């Protein structure tokens, strides 16, 4: 088996990702940050948290239960992710 494909430092299509997003509020046009916990097959709009710590706590539980890796993505457009923790059996 190719070690690079199973490395916990390589992102995989089924990993859980915390994405930082910018939201603008309707009439006030106030800008705020939210953190969404994303993973395949799930509507991430319901997982948005107002602080990173809440998003991380929820995402760590999911990653541990599923045996996946958790990544943080500051901006989805950058494509750069930072490994938070891996629960994969490598």
C-alpha atoms as a PDB file:
ATOM      1  CA  UNK A   1       0.000   0.000   0.000  1.00  0.00           C
ATOM      2  CA  UNK A   2       1.283   3.476  -0.878  1.00  0.00           C
ATOM      3  CA  UNK A   3       2.234   5.186   2.406  1.00  0.00           C
ATOM      4  CA  UNK A   4       1.564   8.686   0.999  1.00  0.00           C
ATOM      5  CA  UNK A   5      -2.117   7.859   0.540  1.00  0.00           C
ATOM      6  CA  UNK A   6      -2.600   6.884   4.183  1.00  0.00           C
ATOM      7  CA  UNK A   7      -0.425   9.520   5.842  1.00  0.00           C
ATOM      8  CA  UNK A   8      -2.284  11.567   8.470  1.00  0.00           C
ATOM      9  CA  UNK A   9      -0.602  14.691   7.057  1.00  0.00           C
ATOM     10  CA  UNK A  10      -2.218  14.188   3.635  1.00  0.00           C
ATOM     11  CA  UNK A  11      -5.777  15.448   3.215  1.00  0.00           C
ATOM     12  CA  UNK A  12      -8.288  12.873   2.040  1.00  0.00           C
ATOM     13  CA  UNK A  13     -11.711  13.279   0.477  1.00  0.00           C
ATOM     14  CA  UNK A  14     -13.476  11.910   3.581  1.00  0.00           C
ATOM     15  CA  UNK A  15     -11.683  14.048   6.180  1.00  0.00           C
ATOM     16  CA  UNK A  16     -13.459  16.557   8.399  1.00  0.00           C
ATOM     17  CA  UNK A  17     -12.581  20.215   7.843  1.00  0.00           C
ATOM     18  CA  UNK A  18     -13.282  23.336   9.890  1.00  0.00           C
ATOM     19  CA  UNK A  19     -13.717  26.222   7.445  1.00  0.00           C
ATOM     20  CA  UNK A  20     -13.514  29.858   8.492  1.00  0.00           C
ATOM     21  CA  UNK A  21     -16.157  31.870   6.668  1.00  0.00           C
ATOM     22  CA  UNK A  22     -17.053  35.524   6.498  1.00  0.00           C
ATOM     23  CA  UNK A  23     -20.734  36.481   6.814  1.00  0.00           C
ATOM     24  CA  UNK A  24     -22.390  39.829   6.183  1.00  0.00           C
ATOM     25  CA  UNK A  25     -25.539  40.578   8.167  1.00  0.00           C
ATOM     26  CA  UNK A  26     -28.526  41.846   6.155  1.00  0.00           C
ATOM     27  CA  UNK A  27     -29.573  45.428   6.925  1.00  0.00           C
ATOM     28  CA  UNK A  28     -26.561  46.360   9.070  1.00  0.00           C
ATOM     29  CA  UNK A  29     -23.937  44.939   6.686  1.00  0.00           C
ATOM     30  CA  UNK A  30     -21.936  43.950   9.754  1.00  0.00           C
ATOM     31  CA  UNK A  31     -19.196  41.453   8.958  1.00  0.00           C
ATOM     32  CA  UNK A  32     -18.605  38.443  11.199  1.00  0.00           C
ATOM     33  CA  UNK A  33     -16.637  35.208  11.147  1.00  0.00           C
ATOM     34  CA  UNK A  34     -18.205  31.788  11.504  1.00  0.00           C
ATOM     35  CA  UNK A  35     -16.618  28.360  11.557  1.00  0.00           C
ATOM     36  CA  UNK A  36     -18.343  25.506   9.724  1.00  0.00           C
ATOM     37  CA  UNK A  37     -17.630  21.834  10.317  1.00  0.00           C
ATOM     38  CA  UNK A  38     -17.638  20.202   6.888  1.00  0.00           C
ATOM     39  CA  UNK A  39     -17.489  16.605   5.745  1.00  0.00           C
ATOM     40  CA  UNK A  40     -18.832  14.618   2.791  1.00  0.00           C
ATOM     41  CA  UNK A  41     -22.561  13.916   2.728  1.00  0.00           C
ATOM     42  CA  UNK A  42     -23.493  16.547   5.306  1.00  0.00           C
ATOM     43  CA  UNK A  43     -25.143  19.976   4.979  1.00  0.00           C
ATOM     44  CA  UNK A  44     -22.519  22.149   6.665  1.00  0.00           C
ATOM     45  CA  UNK A  45     -24.857  25.154   6.991  1.00  0.00           C
ATOM     46  CA  UNK A  46     -26.227  23.650  10.217  1.00  0.00           C
ATOM     47  CA  UNK A  47     -22.774  23.257  11.756  1.00  0.00           C
ATOM     48  CA  UNK A  48     -21.723  26.918  11.767  1.00  0.00           C
ATOM     49  CA  UNK A  49     -20.361  28.150  15.096  1.00  0.00           C
ATOM     50  CA  UNK A  50     -19.568  31.695  16.173  1.00  0.00           C
ATOM     51  CA  UNK A  51     -16.239  30.729  17.735  1.00  0.00           C
ATOM     52  CA  UNK A  52     -13.474  28.370  16.668  1.00  0.00           C
ATOM     53  CA  UNK A  53     -13.393  26.521  19.999  1.00  0.00           C
ATOM     54  CA  UNK A  54     -17.016  25.342  19.626  1.00  0.00           C
ATOM     55  CA  UNK A  55     -16.400  24.194  16.055  1.00  0.00           C
ATOM     56  CA  UNK A  56     -13.218  22.376  17.064  1.00  0.00           C
ATOM     57  CA  UNK A  57     -14.915  20.594  19.961  1.00  0.00           C
ATOM     58  CA  UNK A  58     -17.713  19.331  17.684  1.00  0.00           C
ATOM     59  CA  UNK A  59     -15.314  18.381  14.883  1.00  0.00           C
ATOM     60  CA  UNK A  60     -12.915  16.506  17.189  1.00  0.00           C
ATOM     61  CA  UNK A  61     -15.790  14.349  18.418  1.00  0.00           C
ATOM     62  CA  UNK A  62     -16.820  13.520  14.857  1.00  0.00           C
ATOM     63  CA  UNK A  63     -13.268  12.803  13.743  1.00  0.00           C
ATOM     64  CA  UNK A  64     -12.617  10.512  16.708  1.00  0.00           C
ATOM     65  CA  UNK A  65     -15.924   8.626  16.276  1.00  0.00           C
ATOM     66  CA  UNK A  66     -15.264   8.062  12.575  1.00  0.00           C
ATOM     67  CA  UNK A  67     -11.506   7.464  12.753  1.00  0.00           C
ATOM     68  CA  UNK A  68     -10.739  10.409  10.443  1.00  0.00           C
ATOM     69  CA  UNK A  69      -8.403  13.387  10.390  1.00  0.00           C
ATOM     70  CA  UNK A  70      -9.472  16.921  11.294  1.00  0.00           C
ATOM     71  CA  UNK A  71      -8.150  19.910   9.341  1.00  0.00           C
ATOM     72  CA  UNK A  72      -8.521  23.690   9.680  1.00  0.00           C
ATOM     73  CA  UNK A  73      -8.956  25.733   6.516  1.00  0.00           C
ATOM     74  CA  UNK A  74      -8.621  29.487   7.009  1.00  0.00           C
ATOM     75  CA  UNK A  75      -9.965  30.324   3.567  1.00  0.00           C
ATOM     76  CA  UNK A  76     -11.538  27.738   1.266  1.00  0.00           C
ATOM     77  CA  UNK A  77     -10.142  29.584  -1.764  1.00  0.00           C
ATOM     78  CA  UNK A  78      -6.534  29.091  -0.645  1.00  0.00           C
ATOM     79  CA  UNK A  79      -6.710  25.296  -0.638  1.00  0.00           C
ATOM     80  CA  UNK A  80      -4.271  25.288   2.311  1.00  0.00           C
ATOM     81  CA  UNK A  81      -5.175  23.195   5.325  1.00  0.00           C
ATOM     82  CA  UNK A  82      -3.540  22.719   8.706  1.00  0.00           C
ATOM     83  CA  UNK A  83      -3.833  19.356  10.450  1.00  0.00           C
ATOM     84  CA  UNK A  84      -5.524  19.724  13.846  1.00  0.00           C
ATOM     85  CA  UNK A  85      -5.521  16.037  14.855  1.00  0.00           C
ATOM     86  CA  UNK A  86      -5.696  12.631  13.210  1.00  0.00           C
ATOM     87  CA  UNK A  87      -7.546   9.615  14.547  1.00  0.00           C
ATOM     88  CA  UNK A  88      -6.597   7.409  11.599  1.00  0.00           C
ATOM     89  CA  UNK A  89      -4.962   4.047  12.270  1.00  0.00           C
ATOM     90  CA  UNK A  90      -1.929   4.353  10.043  1.00  0.00           C
END
